[in-house]
């Protein structure tokens, strides 16, 4: 919950400066990319088995789309000045 609030506040600050249509997509890619880097770092640091690595990579790919969706929800909330459900 706190992480999502942080992303929302940072995204809102970015949109005050840069209001192009590409901004939510680039922010979502950066957000997903950061999570991917951290997850792969965790995979290698813990010395997971090959099967564990495969499961983690597939999960990361699926969650990449979910984070892009969350970014679009944040974008709608910010542009409409309210909750978007």
PDB file of N, CA and C in Angstrom:
ATOM      1  N   UNK A   1       0.821  -1.191   0.000  1.00  0.00           N
ATOM      2  CA  UNK A   1       0.000   0.000   0.000  1.00  0.00           C
ATOM      3  C   UNK A   1       0.867   1.257   0.000  1.00  0.00           C
ATOM      4  N   UNK A   2       1.905   1.267   0.836  1.00  0.00           N
ATOM      5  CA  UNK A   2       2.760   2.443   0.912  1.00  0.00           C
ATOM      6  C   UNK A   2       3.551   2.649  -0.375  1.00  0.00           C
ATOM      7  N   UNK A   3       3.950   1.557  -0.972  1.00  0.00           N
ATOM      8  CA  UNK A   3       4.695   1.652  -2.233  1.00  0.00           C
ATOM      9  C   UNK A   3       3.812   2.271  -3.317  1.00  0.00           C
ATOM     10  N   UNK A   4       2.569   1.830  -3.399  1.00  0.00           N
ATOM     11  CA  UNK A   4       1.654   2.381  -4.399  1.00  0.00           C
ATOM     12  C   UNK A   4       1.386   3.859  -4.153  1.00  0.00           C
ATOM     13  N   UNK A   5       1.260   4.241  -2.882  1.00  0.00           N
ATOM     14  CA  UNK A   5       1.079   5.663  -2.568  1.00  0.00           C
ATOM     15  C   UNK A   5       2.285   6.474  -3.010  1.00  0.00           C
ATOM     16  N   UNK A   6       3.467   5.934  -2.817  1.00  0.00           N
ATOM     17  CA  UNK A   6       4.679   6.623  -3.249  1.00  0.00           C
ATOM     18  C   UNK A   6       4.734   6.793  -4.756  1.00  0.00           C
ATOM     19  N   UNK A   7       4.395   5.734  -5.475  1.00  0.00           N
ATOM     20  CA  UNK A   7       4.361   5.834  -6.937  1.00  0.00           C
ATOM     21  C   UNK A   7       3.336   6.863  -7.397  1.00  0.00           C
ATOM     22  N   UNK A   8       2.194   6.884  -6.724  1.00  0.00           N
ATOM     23  CA  UNK A   8       1.148   7.842  -7.080  1.00  0.00           C
ATOM     24  C   UNK A   8       1.646   9.274  -6.898  1.00  0.00           C
ATOM     25  N   UNK A   9       2.285   9.549  -5.763  1.00  0.00           N
ATOM     26  CA  UNK A   9       2.768  10.905  -5.490  1.00  0.00           C
ATOM     27  C   UNK A   9       3.880  11.323  -6.457  1.00  0.00           C
ATOM     28  N   UNK A  10       4.783  10.414  -6.751  1.00  0.00           N
ATOM     29  CA  UNK A  10       5.860  10.727  -7.702  1.00  0.00           C
ATOM     30  C   UNK A  10       5.281  10.951  -9.091  1.00  0.00           C
ATOM     31  N   UNK A  11       4.357  10.106  -9.493  1.00  0.00           N
ATOM     32  CA  UNK A  11       3.750  10.224 -10.811  1.00  0.00           C
ATOM     33  C   UNK A  11       2.995  11.542 -10.932  1.00  0.00           C
ATOM     34  N   UNK A  12       2.280  11.922  -9.870  1.00  0.00           N
ATOM     35  CA  UNK A  12       1.551  13.191  -9.880  1.00  0.00           C
ATOM     36  C   UNK A  12       2.514  14.367 -10.030  1.00  0.00           C
ATOM     37  N   UNK A  13       3.659  14.295  -9.345  1.00  0.00           N
ATOM     38  CA  UNK A  13       4.656  15.359  -9.464  1.00  0.00           C
ATOM     39  C   UNK A  13       5.236  15.415 -10.874  1.00  0.00           C
ATOM     40  N   UNK A  14       5.463  14.266 -11.482  1.00  0.00           N
ATOM     41  CA  UNK A  14       6.003  14.225 -12.847  1.00  0.00           C
ATOM     42  C   UNK A  14       4.987  14.800 -13.829  1.00  0.00           C
ATOM     43  N   UNK A  15       3.716  14.462 -13.640  1.00  0.00           N
ATOM     44  CA  UNK A  15       2.689  14.940 -14.572  1.00  0.00           C
ATOM     45  C   UNK A  15       2.470  16.450 -14.476  1.00  0.00           C
ATOM     46  N   UNK A  16       2.841  17.071 -13.358  1.00  0.00           N
ATOM     47  CA  UNK A  16       2.737  18.522 -13.261  1.00  0.00           C
ATOM     48  C   UNK A  16       3.734  19.197 -14.200  1.00  0.00           C
ATOM     49  N   UNK A  17       4.868  18.526 -14.443  1.00  0.00           N
ATOM     50  CA  UNK A  17       5.909  19.088 -15.305  1.00  0.00           C
ATOM     51  C   UNK A  17       5.780  18.627 -16.746  1.00  0.00           C
ATOM     52  N   UNK A  18       5.380  17.380 -16.932  1.00  0.00           N
ATOM     53  CA  UNK A  18       5.369  16.763 -18.262  1.00  0.00           C
ATOM     54  C   UNK A  18       4.015  16.116 -18.503  1.00  0.00           C
ATOM     55  N   UNK A  19       3.188  16.727 -19.349  1.00  0.00           N
ATOM     56  CA  UNK A  19       1.842  16.198 -19.586  1.00  0.00           C
ATOM     57  C   UNK A  19       1.655  15.683 -21.004  1.00  0.00           C
ATOM     58  N   UNK A  20       2.574  14.901 -21.481  1.00  0.00           N
ATOM     59  CA  UNK A  20       2.400  14.320 -22.810  1.00  0.00           C
ATOM     60  C   UNK A  20       1.712  12.962 -22.678  1.00  0.00           C
ATOM     61  N   UNK A  21       1.237  12.437 -23.781  1.00  0.00           N
ATOM     62  CA  UNK A  21       0.558  11.137 -23.762  1.00  0.00           C
ATOM     63  C   UNK A  21       1.532   9.988 -23.532  1.00  0.00           C
ATOM     64  N   UNK A  22       2.806  10.227 -23.757  1.00  0.00           N
ATOM     65  CA  UNK A  22       3.802   9.181 -23.557  1.00  0.00           C
ATOM     66  C   UNK A  22       4.230   9.050 -22.101  1.00  0.00           C
ATOM     67  N   UNK A  23       3.953  10.071 -21.296  1.00  0.00           N
ATOM     68  CA  UNK A  23       4.428  10.078 -19.914  1.00  0.00           C
ATOM     69  C   UNK A  23       3.954   8.868 -19.114  1.00  0.00           C
ATOM     70  N   UNK A  24       2.658   8.486 -19.132  1.00  0.00           N
ATOM     71  CA  UNK A  24       2.263   7.315 -18.348  1.00  0.00           C
ATOM     72  C   UNK A  24       2.912   6.021 -18.827  1.00  0.00           C
ATOM     73  N   UNK A  25       3.111   5.911 -20.125  1.00  0.00           N
ATOM     74  CA  UNK A  25       3.741   4.694 -20.654  1.00  0.00           C
ATOM     75  C   UNK A  25       5.198   4.618 -20.232  1.00  0.00           C
ATOM     76  N   UNK A  26       5.912   5.723 -20.338  1.00  0.00           N
ATOM     77  CA  UNK A  26       7.316   5.734 -19.935  1.00  0.00           C
ATOM     78  C   UNK A  26       7.473   5.525 -18.435  1.00  0.00           C
ATOM     79  N   UNK A  27       6.588   6.138 -17.646  1.00  0.00           N
ATOM     80  CA  UNK A  27       6.641   5.942 -16.204  1.00  0.00           C
ATOM     81  C   UNK A  27       6.369   4.484 -15.853  1.00  0.00           C
ATOM     82  N   UNK A  28       5.376   3.879 -16.506  1.00  0.00           N
ATOM     83  CA  UNK A  28       5.065   2.472 -16.268  1.00  0.00           C
ATOM     84  C   UNK A  28       6.209   1.549 -16.657  1.00  0.00           C
ATOM     85  N   UNK A  29       6.864   1.849 -17.772  1.00  0.00           N
ATOM     86  CA  UNK A  29       8.016   1.036 -18.182  1.00  0.00           C
ATOM     87  C   UNK A  29       9.167   1.163 -17.196  1.00  0.00           C
ATOM     88  N   UNK A  30       9.392   2.377 -16.720  1.00  0.00           N
ATOM     89  CA  UNK A  30      10.453   2.585 -15.727  1.00  0.00           C
ATOM     90  C   UNK A  30      10.136   1.876 -14.420  1.00  0.00           C
ATOM     91  N   UNK A  31       8.898   1.973 -14.011  1.00  0.00           N
ATOM     92  CA  UNK A  31       8.452   1.316 -12.777  1.00  0.00           C
ATOM     93  C   UNK A  31       8.582  -0.200 -12.898  1.00  0.00           C
ATOM     94  N   UNK A  32       8.128  -0.753 -14.004  1.00  0.00           N
ATOM     95  CA  UNK A  32       8.224  -2.197 -14.229  1.00  0.00           C
ATOM     96  C   UNK A  32       9.672  -2.635 -14.381  1.00  0.00           C
ATOM     97  N   UNK A  33      10.447  -1.818 -15.060  1.00  0.00           N
ATOM     98  CA  UNK A  33      11.866  -2.141 -15.229  1.00  0.00           C
ATOM     99  C   UNK A  33      12.602  -2.178 -13.905  1.00  0.00           C
ATOM    100  N   UNK A  34      12.307  -1.240 -13.019  1.00  0.00           N
ATOM    101  CA  UNK A  34      12.934  -1.217 -11.696  1.00  0.00           C
ATOM    102  C   UNK A  34      12.569  -2.471 -10.913  1.00  0.00           C
ATOM    103  N   UNK A  35      11.311  -2.856 -10.946  1.00  0.00           N
ATOM    104  CA  UNK A  35      10.892  -4.081 -10.259  1.00  0.00           C
ATOM    105  C   UNK A  35      11.578  -5.305 -10.857  1.00  0.00           C
ATOM    106  N   UNK A  36      11.737  -5.330 -12.158  1.00  0.00           N
ATOM    107  CA  UNK A  36      12.392  -6.460 -12.815  1.00  0.00           C
ATOM    108  C   UNK A  36      13.842  -6.582 -12.372  1.00  0.00           C
ATOM    109  N   UNK A  37      14.543  -5.466 -12.341  1.00  0.00           N
ATOM    110  CA  UNK A  37      15.948  -5.476 -11.907  1.00  0.00           C
ATOM    111  C   UNK A  37      16.060  -5.970 -10.468  1.00  0.00           C
ATOM    112  N   UNK A  38      15.207  -5.469  -9.597  1.00  0.00           N
ATOM    113  CA  UNK A  38      15.249  -5.892  -8.190  1.00  0.00           C
ATOM    114  C   UNK A  38      14.898  -7.372  -8.042  1.00  0.00           C
ATOM    115  N   UNK A  39      13.924  -7.850  -8.794  1.00  0.00           N
ATOM    116  CA  UNK A  39      13.549  -9.258  -8.714  1.00  0.00           C
ATOM    117  C   UNK A  39      14.662 -10.173  -9.223  1.00  0.00           C
ATOM    118  N   UNK A  40      15.292  -9.808 -10.326  1.00  0.00           N
ATOM    119  CA  UNK A  40      16.387 -10.630 -10.838  1.00  0.00           C
ATOM    120  C   UNK A  40      17.571 -10.615  -9.874  1.00  0.00           C
ATOM    121  N   UNK A  41      17.809  -9.488  -9.249  1.00  0.00           N
ATOM    122  CA  UNK A  41      18.859  -9.424  -8.229  1.00  0.00           C
ATOM    123  C   UNK A  41      18.567 -10.368  -7.077  1.00  0.00           C
ATOM    124  N   UNK A  42      17.315 -10.435  -6.674  1.00  0.00           N
ATOM    125  CA  UNK A  42      16.920 -11.343  -5.597  1.00  0.00           C
ATOM    126  C   UNK A  42      17.077 -12.801  -6.025  1.00  0.00           C
ATOM    127  N   UNK A  43      16.706 -13.096  -7.259  1.00  0.00           N
ATOM    128  CA  UNK A  43      16.840 -14.463  -7.772  1.00  0.00           C
ATOM    129  C   UNK A  43      18.292 -14.909  -7.713  1.00  0.00           C
ATOM    130  N   UNK A  44      19.192 -14.070  -8.192  1.00  0.00           N
ATOM    131  CA  UNK A  44      20.601 -14.451  -8.228  1.00  0.00           C
ATOM    132  C   UNK A  44      21.227 -14.451  -6.841  1.00  0.00           C
ATOM    133  N   UNK A  45      20.802 -13.559  -5.968  1.00  0.00           N
ATOM    134  CA  UNK A  45      21.376 -13.483  -4.628  1.00  0.00           C
ATOM    135  C   UNK A  45      20.982 -14.680  -3.762  1.00  0.00           C
ATOM    136  N   UNK A  46      19.800 -15.229  -4.001  1.00  0.00           N
ATOM    137  CA  UNK A  46      19.341 -16.352  -3.179  1.00  0.00           C
ATOM    138  C   UNK A  46      19.777 -17.698  -3.728  1.00  0.00           C
ATOM    139  N   UNK A  47      20.288 -17.733  -4.946  1.00  0.00           N
ATOM    140  CA  UNK A  47      20.752 -18.993  -5.531  1.00  0.00           C
ATOM    141  C   UNK A  47      19.621 -19.982  -5.764  1.00  0.00           C
ATOM    142  N   UNK A  48      18.572 -19.527  -6.391  1.00  0.00           N
ATOM    143  CA  UNK A  48      17.418 -20.385  -6.656  1.00  0.00           C
ATOM    144  C   UNK A  48      17.765 -21.484  -7.657  1.00  0.00           C
ATOM    145  N   UNK A  49      16.966 -22.540  -7.631  1.00  0.00           N
ATOM    146  CA  UNK A  49      17.129 -23.615  -8.611  1.00  0.00           C
ATOM    147  C   UNK A  49      16.649 -23.126  -9.975  1.00  0.00           C
ATOM    148  N   UNK A  50      16.904 -23.901 -10.999  1.00  0.00           N
ATOM    149  CA  UNK A  50      16.482 -23.545 -12.356  1.00  0.00           C
ATOM    150  C   UNK A  50      14.962 -23.440 -12.428  1.00  0.00           C
ATOM    151  N   UNK A  51      14.256 -24.380 -11.812  1.00  0.00           N
ATOM    152  CA  UNK A  51      12.796 -24.332 -11.821  1.00  0.00           C
ATOM    153  C   UNK A  51      12.293 -23.091 -11.079  1.00  0.00           C
ATOM    154  N   UNK A  52      12.898 -22.780  -9.964  1.00  0.00           N
ATOM    155  CA  UNK A  52      12.514 -21.585  -9.222  1.00  0.00           C
ATOM    156  C   UNK A  52      12.756 -20.318 -10.026  1.00  0.00           C
ATOM    157  N   UNK A  53      13.883 -20.283 -10.748  1.00  0.00           N
ATOM    158  CA  UNK A  53      14.181 -19.130 -11.608  1.00  0.00           C
ATOM    159  C   UNK A  53      13.151 -19.001 -12.725  1.00  0.00           C
ATOM    160  N   UNK A  54      12.786 -20.124 -13.320  1.00  0.00           N
ATOM    161  CA  UNK A  54      11.802 -20.112 -14.401  1.00  0.00           C
ATOM    162  C   UNK A  54      10.448 -19.603 -13.908  1.00  0.00           C
ATOM    163  N   UNK A  55      10.025 -20.083 -12.757  1.00  0.00           N
ATOM    164  CA  UNK A  55       8.752 -19.628 -12.183  1.00  0.00           C
ATOM    165  C   UNK A  55       8.811 -18.137 -11.867  1.00  0.00           C
ATOM    166  N   UNK A  56       9.933 -17.681 -11.312  1.00  0.00           N
ATOM    167  CA  UNK A  56      10.076 -16.263 -10.970  1.00  0.00           C
ATOM    168  C   UNK A  56      10.065 -15.388 -12.218  1.00  0.00           C
ATOM    169  N   UNK A  57      10.708 -15.835 -13.280  1.00  0.00           N
ATOM    170  CA  UNK A  57      10.755 -15.050 -14.525  1.00  0.00           C
ATOM    171  C   UNK A  57       9.365 -14.971 -15.158  1.00  0.00           C
ATOM    172  N   UNK A  58       8.644 -16.084 -15.193  1.00  0.00           N
ATOM    173  CA  UNK A  58       7.283 -16.074 -15.745  1.00  0.00           C
ATOM    174  C   UNK A  58       6.389 -15.156 -14.906  1.00  0.00           C
ATOM    175  N   UNK A  59       6.506 -15.232 -13.605  1.00  0.00           N
ATOM    176  CA  UNK A  59       5.736 -14.351 -12.727  1.00  0.00           C
ATOM    177  C   UNK A  59       6.072 -12.891 -12.934  1.00  0.00           C
ATOM    178  N   UNK A  60       7.347 -12.626 -13.167  1.00  0.00           N
ATOM    179  CA  UNK A  60       7.785 -11.236 -13.397  1.00  0.00           C
ATOM    180  C   UNK A  60       7.212 -10.705 -14.707  1.00  0.00           C
ATOM    181  N   UNK A  61       7.183 -11.531 -15.733  1.00  0.00           N
ATOM    182  CA  UNK A  61       6.631 -11.106 -17.023  1.00  0.00           C
ATOM    183  C   UNK A  61       5.137 -10.792 -16.882  1.00  0.00           C
ATOM    184  N   UNK A  62       4.413 -11.642 -16.162  1.00  0.00           N
ATOM    185  CA  UNK A  62       2.986 -11.398 -15.953  1.00  0.00           C
ATOM    186  C   UNK A  62       2.745 -10.149 -15.111  1.00  0.00           C
ATOM    187  N   UNK A  63       3.563  -9.942 -14.106  1.00  0.00           N
ATOM    188  CA  UNK A  63       3.363  -8.769 -13.254  1.00  0.00           C
ATOM    189  C   UNK A  63       3.797  -7.481 -13.954  1.00  0.00           C
ATOM    190  N   UNK A  64       4.607  -7.589 -14.995  1.00  0.00           N
ATOM    191  CA  UNK A  64       4.986  -6.413 -15.788  1.00  0.00           C
ATOM    192  C   UNK A  64       3.730  -5.748 -16.348  1.00  0.00           C
ATOM    193  N   UNK A  65       2.821  -6.550 -16.886  1.00  0.00           N
ATOM    194  CA  UNK A  65       1.562  -6.017 -17.402  1.00  0.00           C
ATOM    195  C   UNK A  65       0.688  -5.449 -16.302  1.00  0.00           C
ATOM    196  N   UNK A  66       0.704  -6.090 -15.140  1.00  0.00           N
ATOM    197  CA  UNK A  66      -0.097  -5.595 -14.020  1.00  0.00           C
ATOM    198  C   UNK A  66       0.391  -4.230 -13.564  1.00  0.00           C
ATOM    199  N   UNK A  67       1.690  -4.022 -13.518  1.00  0.00           N
ATOM    200  CA  UNK A  67       2.226  -2.723 -13.117  1.00  0.00           C
ATOM    201  C   UNK A  67       1.905  -1.640 -14.146  1.00  0.00           C
ATOM    202  N   UNK A  68       1.881  -2.010 -15.411  1.00  0.00           N
ATOM    203  CA  UNK A  68       1.473  -1.040 -16.429  1.00  0.00           C
ATOM    204  C   UNK A  68       0.007  -0.664 -16.220  1.00  0.00           C
ATOM    205  N   UNK A  69      -0.821  -1.635 -15.869  1.00  0.00           N
ATOM    206  CA  UNK A  69      -2.223  -1.359 -15.582  1.00  0.00           C
ATOM    207  C   UNK A  69      -2.392  -0.453 -14.372  1.00  0.00           C
ATOM    208  N   UNK A  70      -1.606  -0.689 -13.327  1.00  0.00           N
ATOM    209  CA  UNK A  70      -1.668   0.173 -12.148  1.00  0.00           C
ATOM    210  C   UNK A  70      -1.247   1.605 -12.485  1.00  0.00           C
ATOM    211  N   UNK A  71      -0.274   1.734 -13.359  1.00  0.00           N
ATOM    212  CA  UNK A  71       0.156   3.070 -13.768  1.00  0.00           C
ATOM    213  C   UNK A  71      -0.963   3.791 -14.517  1.00  0.00           C
ATOM    214  N   UNK A  72      -1.685   3.079 -15.363  1.00  0.00           N
ATOM    215  CA  UNK A  72      -2.804   3.697 -16.079  1.00  0.00           C
ATOM    216  C   UNK A  72      -3.936   4.081 -15.128  1.00  0.00           C
ATOM    217  N   UNK A  73      -4.166   3.283 -14.088  1.00  0.00           N
ATOM    218  CA  UNK A  73      -5.165   3.648 -13.076  1.00  0.00           C
ATOM    219  C   UNK A  73      -4.726   4.913 -12.346  1.00  0.00           C
ATOM    220  N   UNK A  74      -3.444   4.994 -11.988  1.00  0.00           N
ATOM    221  CA  UNK A  74      -2.916   6.213 -11.357  1.00  0.00           C
ATOM    222  C   UNK A  74      -3.100   7.410 -12.270  1.00  0.00           C
ATOM    223  N   UNK A  75      -2.826   7.221 -13.551  1.00  0.00           N
ATOM    224  CA  UNK A  75      -2.948   8.320 -14.522  1.00  0.00           C
ATOM    225  C   UNK A  75      -4.395   8.820 -14.590  1.00  0.00           C
ATOM    226  N   UNK A  76      -5.341   7.907 -14.648  1.00  0.00           N
ATOM    227  CA  UNK A  76      -6.756   8.294 -14.685  1.00  0.00           C
ATOM    228  C   UNK A  76      -7.151   9.020 -13.399  1.00  0.00           C
ATOM    229  N   UNK A  77      -6.659   8.552 -12.261  1.00  0.00           N
ATOM    230  CA  UNK A  77      -6.972   9.208 -10.993  1.00  0.00           C
ATOM    231  C   UNK A  77      -6.427  10.621 -10.941  1.00  0.00           C
ATOM    232  N   UNK A  78      -5.220  10.794 -11.428  1.00  0.00           N
ATOM    233  CA  UNK A  78      -4.586  12.112 -11.388  1.00  0.00           C
ATOM    234  C   UNK A  78      -5.269  13.069 -12.349  1.00  0.00           C
ATOM    235  N   UNK A  79      -5.552  12.603 -13.560  1.00  0.00           N
ATOM    236  CA  UNK A  79      -6.135  13.503 -14.554  1.00  0.00           C
ATOM    237  C   UNK A  79      -7.591  13.847 -14.241  1.00  0.00           C
ATOM    238  N   UNK A  80      -8.286  12.985 -13.500  1.00  0.00           N
ATOM    239  CA  UNK A  80      -9.669  13.257 -13.154  1.00  0.00           C
ATOM    240  C   UNK A  80      -9.815  13.857 -11.760  1.00  0.00           C
ATOM    241  N   UNK A  81      -8.675  14.078 -11.085  1.00  0.00           N
ATOM    242  CA  UNK A  81      -8.653  14.655  -9.732  1.00  0.00           C
ATOM    243  C   UNK A  81      -9.548  13.913  -8.758  1.00  0.00           C
ATOM    244  N   UNK A  82      -9.446  12.617  -8.747  1.00  0.00           N
ATOM    245  CA  UNK A  82     -10.247  11.839  -7.820  1.00  0.00           C
ATOM    246  C   UNK A  82      -9.940  10.365  -7.939  1.00  0.00           C
ATOM    247  N   UNK A  83     -10.699   9.567  -7.240  1.00  0.00           N
ATOM    248  CA  UNK A  83     -10.516   8.135  -7.273  1.00  0.00           C
ATOM    249  C   UNK A  83     -10.995   7.569  -8.600  1.00  0.00           C
ATOM    250  N   UNK A  84     -10.268   6.619  -9.102  1.00  0.00           N
ATOM    251  CA  UNK A  84     -10.653   5.936 -10.338  1.00  0.00           C
ATOM    252  C   UNK A  84     -10.777   4.450 -10.020  1.00  0.00           C
ATOM    253  N   UNK A  85     -11.972   3.921 -10.124  1.00  0.00           N
ATOM    254  CA  UNK A  85     -12.185   2.505  -9.818  1.00  0.00           C
ATOM    255  C   UNK A  85     -12.793   1.829 -11.034  1.00  0.00           C
TER     256      UNK A  85
END
